[in-house]
């Protein structure tokens, strides 16, 4: 496990804090390589399971096709533009696609339509960074 450290005003977050931040949110950006094109990056609802796998519900389409064949990433952040503070966590890992079942944590999805599949990401790496200001307002909002 890594420990927090500062680099040019950015705090490098340890693994434990990265997982804590991931669990505090439900929306992130799923990214996968598209051969010969720019990467696919789309917003998704997700949940972190007890086994530290990340689950994303999906219907048929590009996201599902790419997750079946490649390494993927999930990026989650929180930005406070008014105070110039925020954090970002990126999880890289191998994905597998399964039919949705009742044995894993449910993933609530905001997008309409059938989502009969679950993309499961088994993390191989997690990293996070935080920009913070030390003020009573930002310290109370989790940017410490």
C-alpha atoms as a PDB file:
ATOM      1  CA  UNK A   1       0.000   0.000   0.000  1.00  0.00           C
ATOM      2  CA  UNK A   2       1.273   3.439  -0.862  1.00  0.00           C
ATOM      3  CA  UNK A   3       1.205   6.403   1.510  1.00  0.00           C
ATOM      4  CA  UNK A   4       0.064   9.969   0.837  1.00  0.00           C
ATOM      5  CA  UNK A   5       2.777  12.330  -0.370  1.00  0.00           C
ATOM      6  CA  UNK A   6       2.912  15.736  -2.017  1.00  0.00           C
ATOM      7  CA  UNK A   7       4.245  16.354  -5.549  1.00  0.00           C
ATOM      8  CA  UNK A   8       4.122  19.927  -6.888  1.00  0.00           C
ATOM      9  CA  UNK A   9       0.934  20.750  -4.968  1.00  0.00           C
ATOM     10  CA  UNK A  10      -0.742  17.440  -5.763  1.00  0.00           C
ATOM     11  CA  UNK A  11      -1.236  14.920  -2.984  1.00  0.00           C
ATOM     12  CA  UNK A  12      -0.710  11.333  -4.083  1.00  0.00           C
ATOM     13  CA  UNK A  13      -3.437   9.290  -2.356  1.00  0.00           C
ATOM     14  CA  UNK A  14      -2.829   5.917  -0.746  1.00  0.00           C
ATOM     15  CA  UNK A  15      -4.784   2.839  -1.843  1.00  0.00           C
ATOM     16  CA  UNK A  16      -7.065   2.854   1.209  1.00  0.00           C
ATOM     17  CA  UNK A  17      -8.168   6.451   0.631  1.00  0.00           C
ATOM     18  CA  UNK A  18      -8.659   5.769  -3.095  1.00  0.00           C
ATOM     19  CA  UNK A  19     -11.085   2.921  -2.281  1.00  0.00           C
ATOM     20  CA  UNK A  20     -12.836   5.073   0.315  1.00  0.00           C
ATOM     21  CA  UNK A  21     -13.382   7.826  -2.262  1.00  0.00           C
ATOM     22  CA  UNK A  22     -14.585   5.335  -4.890  1.00  0.00           C
ATOM     23  CA  UNK A  23     -17.155   3.937  -2.447  1.00  0.00           C
ATOM     24  CA  UNK A  24     -18.457   7.458  -1.742  1.00  0.00           C
ATOM     25  CA  UNK A  25     -19.633   7.938  -5.349  1.00  0.00           C
ATOM     26  CA  UNK A  26     -21.799   6.109  -7.896  1.00  0.00           C
ATOM     27  CA  UNK A  27     -20.844   7.748 -11.205  1.00  0.00           C
ATOM     28  CA  UNK A  28     -17.544   7.522 -13.025  1.00  0.00           C
ATOM     29  CA  UNK A  29     -16.095   7.331 -16.512  1.00  0.00           C
ATOM     30  CA  UNK A  30     -15.464   3.957 -18.112  1.00  0.00           C
ATOM     31  CA  UNK A  31     -12.571   3.931 -20.597  1.00  0.00           C
ATOM     32  CA  UNK A  32     -11.526   1.245 -23.075  1.00  0.00           C
ATOM     33  CA  UNK A  33      -9.244   1.123 -26.096  1.00  0.00           C
ATOM     34  CA  UNK A  34     -10.757   1.138 -29.577  1.00  0.00           C
ATOM     35  CA  UNK A  35      -8.209  -0.227 -32.048  1.00  0.00           C
ATOM     36  CA  UNK A  36      -7.257   2.415 -34.594  1.00  0.00           C
ATOM     37  CA  UNK A  37      -9.422   5.067 -32.944  1.00  0.00           C
ATOM     38  CA  UNK A  38      -9.453   7.241 -29.865  1.00  0.00           C
ATOM     39  CA  UNK A  39     -10.412   5.498 -26.601  1.00  0.00           C
ATOM     40  CA  UNK A  40     -14.065   5.096 -25.703  1.00  0.00           C
ATOM     41  CA  UNK A  41     -14.841   7.131 -22.566  1.00  0.00           C
ATOM     42  CA  UNK A  42     -18.415   7.123 -21.273  1.00  0.00           C
ATOM     43  CA  UNK A  43     -20.128   7.978 -17.984  1.00  0.00           C
ATOM     44  CA  UNK A  44     -21.418   4.961 -16.042  1.00  0.00           C
ATOM     45  CA  UNK A  45     -23.019   4.062 -12.757  1.00  0.00           C
ATOM     46  CA  UNK A  46     -20.886   1.647 -10.756  1.00  0.00           C
ATOM     47  CA  UNK A  47     -20.626  -0.110  -7.413  1.00  0.00           C
ATOM     48  CA  UNK A  48     -17.576  -1.411  -5.538  1.00  0.00           C
ATOM     49  CA  UNK A  49     -18.085  -4.939  -4.244  1.00  0.00           C
ATOM     50  CA  UNK A  50     -16.758  -6.421  -1.008  1.00  0.00           C
ATOM     51  CA  UNK A  51     -14.127  -8.234  -3.112  1.00  0.00           C
ATOM     52  CA  UNK A  52     -12.948  -4.845  -4.498  1.00  0.00           C
ATOM     53  CA  UNK A  53     -14.286  -5.672  -7.946  1.00  0.00           C
ATOM     54  CA  UNK A  54     -16.140  -2.867  -9.670  1.00  0.00           C
ATOM     55  CA  UNK A  55     -19.474  -3.679 -11.283  1.00  0.00           C
ATOM     56  CA  UNK A  56     -21.105  -1.729 -14.118  1.00  0.00           C
ATOM     57  CA  UNK A  57     -24.421  -2.704 -15.742  1.00  0.00           C
ATOM     58  CA  UNK A  58     -24.585  -2.533 -19.523  1.00  0.00           C
ATOM     59  CA  UNK A  59     -26.705  -3.328 -22.512  1.00  0.00           C
ATOM     60  CA  UNK A  60     -25.322  -4.519 -25.835  1.00  0.00           C
ATOM     61  CA  UNK A  61     -23.013  -2.084 -27.636  1.00  0.00           C
ATOM     62  CA  UNK A  62     -19.492  -0.684 -27.817  1.00  0.00           C
ATOM     63  CA  UNK A  63     -18.857  -0.613 -24.082  1.00  0.00           C
ATOM     64  CA  UNK A  64     -19.813  -4.269 -23.706  1.00  0.00           C
ATOM     65  CA  UNK A  65     -17.867  -5.350 -26.802  1.00  0.00           C
ATOM     66  CA  UNK A  66     -14.683  -3.557 -25.728  1.00  0.00           C
ATOM     67  CA  UNK A  67     -14.882  -4.816 -22.152  1.00  0.00           C
ATOM     68  CA  UNK A  68     -14.895  -8.387 -23.454  1.00  0.00           C
ATOM     69  CA  UNK A  69     -11.525  -8.020 -25.184  1.00  0.00           C
ATOM     70  CA  UNK A  70      -9.335  -5.534 -23.388  1.00  0.00           C
ATOM     71  CA  UNK A  71      -8.026  -3.896 -20.295  1.00  0.00           C
ATOM     72  CA  UNK A  72     -10.223  -1.053 -19.118  1.00  0.00           C
ATOM     73  CA  UNK A  73     -10.197   1.820 -16.651  1.00  0.00           C
ATOM     74  CA  UNK A  74     -12.668   3.583 -14.401  1.00  0.00           C
ATOM     75  CA  UNK A  75     -12.022   7.204 -13.436  1.00  0.00           C
ATOM     76  CA  UNK A  76     -13.973   8.915 -10.667  1.00  0.00           C
ATOM     77  CA  UNK A  77     -13.532  12.460  -9.430  1.00  0.00           C
ATOM     78  CA  UNK A  78     -14.995  15.301  -7.465  1.00  0.00           C
ATOM     79  CA  UNK A  79     -14.190  18.875  -8.422  1.00  0.00           C
ATOM     80  CA  UNK A  80     -15.032  22.107  -6.631  1.00  0.00           C
ATOM     81  CA  UNK A  81     -14.290  24.709  -9.288  1.00  0.00           C
ATOM     82  CA  UNK A  82     -15.142  27.630  -7.000  1.00  0.00           C
ATOM     83  CA  UNK A  83     -12.409  26.657  -4.518  1.00  0.00           C
ATOM     84  CA  UNK A  84      -9.955  25.139  -7.046  1.00  0.00           C
ATOM     85  CA  UNK A  85      -9.848  21.826  -5.168  1.00  0.00           C
ATOM     86  CA  UNK A  86     -10.697  18.268  -6.052  1.00  0.00           C
ATOM     87  CA  UNK A  87      -9.578  14.688  -6.371  1.00  0.00           C
ATOM     88  CA  UNK A  88      -9.406  11.990  -9.006  1.00  0.00           C
ATOM     89  CA  UNK A  89      -9.050   8.202  -8.695  1.00  0.00           C
ATOM     90  CA  UNK A  90      -8.255   5.846 -11.600  1.00  0.00           C
ATOM     91  CA  UNK A  91      -8.647   2.067 -11.473  1.00  0.00           C
ATOM     92  CA  UNK A  92      -7.025  -0.034 -14.209  1.00  0.00           C
ATOM     93  CA  UNK A  93      -7.868  -3.678 -14.636  1.00  0.00           C
ATOM     94  CA  UNK A  94      -9.077  -6.606 -16.647  1.00  0.00           C
ATOM     95  CA  UNK A  95     -12.775  -6.744 -17.411  1.00  0.00           C
ATOM     96  CA  UNK A  96     -15.112  -9.655 -17.846  1.00  0.00           C
ATOM     97  CA  UNK A  97     -18.740  -9.650 -18.907  1.00  0.00           C
ATOM     98  CA  UNK A  98     -21.413 -11.703 -17.154  1.00  0.00           C
ATOM     99  CA  UNK A  99     -25.188 -11.890 -17.259  1.00  0.00           C
ATOM    100  CA  UNK A 100     -26.666  -9.868 -14.412  1.00  0.00           C
ATOM    101  CA  UNK A 101     -27.445 -11.949 -11.341  1.00  0.00           C
ATOM    102  CA  UNK A 102     -28.607 -11.485  -7.762  1.00  0.00           C
ATOM    103  CA  UNK A 103     -25.366 -12.691  -6.117  1.00  0.00           C
ATOM    104  CA  UNK A 104     -23.401  -9.465  -6.509  1.00  0.00           C
ATOM    105  CA  UNK A 105     -24.158  -5.951  -5.283  1.00  0.00           C
ATOM    106  CA  UNK A 106     -26.880  -4.385  -7.428  1.00  0.00           C
ATOM    107  CA  UNK A 107     -25.873  -1.535  -9.705  1.00  0.00           C
ATOM    108  CA  UNK A 108     -28.475   1.186 -10.041  1.00  0.00           C
ATOM    109  CA  UNK A 109     -28.349   2.680 -13.512  1.00  0.00           C
ATOM    110  CA  UNK A 110     -29.693   6.071 -14.516  1.00  0.00           C
ATOM    111  CA  UNK A 111     -29.738   5.372 -18.249  1.00  0.00           C
ATOM    112  CA  UNK A 112     -32.963   3.992 -19.713  1.00  0.00           C
ATOM    113  CA  UNK A 113     -33.211   0.649 -21.457  1.00  0.00           C
ATOM    114  CA  UNK A 114     -32.422  -2.951 -20.711  1.00  0.00           C
ATOM    115  CA  UNK A 115     -29.041  -3.589 -19.087  1.00  0.00           C
ATOM    116  CA  UNK A 116     -28.874  -7.393 -18.797  1.00  0.00           C
ATOM    117  CA  UNK A 117     -25.071  -7.621 -18.453  1.00  0.00           C
ATOM    118  CA  UNK A 118     -22.563  -6.711 -15.788  1.00  0.00           C
ATOM    119  CA  UNK A 119     -19.028  -5.620 -16.620  1.00  0.00           C
ATOM    120  CA  UNK A 120     -16.774  -6.611 -13.723  1.00  0.00           C
ATOM    121  CA  UNK A 121     -13.405  -4.929 -13.403  1.00  0.00           C
ATOM    122  CA  UNK A 122     -10.762  -6.794 -11.392  1.00  0.00           C
ATOM    123  CA  UNK A 123      -8.338  -4.011 -10.441  1.00  0.00           C
ATOM    124  CA  UNK A 124      -4.654  -4.408 -11.234  1.00  0.00           C
ATOM    125  CA  UNK A 125      -3.757  -0.845 -10.216  1.00  0.00           C
ATOM    126  CA  UNK A 126      -5.398   2.031  -8.374  1.00  0.00           C
ATOM    127  CA  UNK A 127      -4.066   5.560  -8.126  1.00  0.00           C
ATOM    128  CA  UNK A 128      -5.366   8.887  -6.942  1.00  0.00           C
ATOM    129  CA  UNK A 129      -4.420  12.538  -6.738  1.00  0.00           C
ATOM    130  CA  UNK A 130      -5.876  15.450  -4.819  1.00  0.00           C
ATOM    131  CA  UNK A 131      -5.463  19.210  -5.077  1.00  0.00           C
ATOM    132  CA  UNK A 132      -6.421  20.916  -1.869  1.00  0.00           C
ATOM    133  CA  UNK A 133      -6.479  24.217  -0.074  1.00  0.00           C
ATOM    134  CA  UNK A 134      -6.345  24.376   3.702  1.00  0.00           C
ATOM    135  CA  UNK A 135      -9.382  26.443   4.640  1.00  0.00           C
ATOM    136  CA  UNK A 136     -12.244  25.641   7.023  1.00  0.00           C
ATOM    137  CA  UNK A 137     -14.592  25.341   4.041  1.00  0.00           C
ATOM    138  CA  UNK A 138     -12.490  22.907   2.007  1.00  0.00           C
ATOM    139  CA  UNK A 139     -11.316  20.890   5.037  1.00  0.00           C
ATOM    140  CA  UNK A 140     -14.966  20.241   6.004  1.00  0.00           C
ATOM    141  CA  UNK A 141     -15.794  18.970   2.496  1.00  0.00           C
ATOM    142  CA  UNK A 142     -13.330  16.059   2.431  1.00  0.00           C
ATOM    143  CA  UNK A 143     -10.531  17.836   0.539  1.00  0.00           C
ATOM    144  CA  UNK A 144      -8.077  17.546   3.433  1.00  0.00           C
END
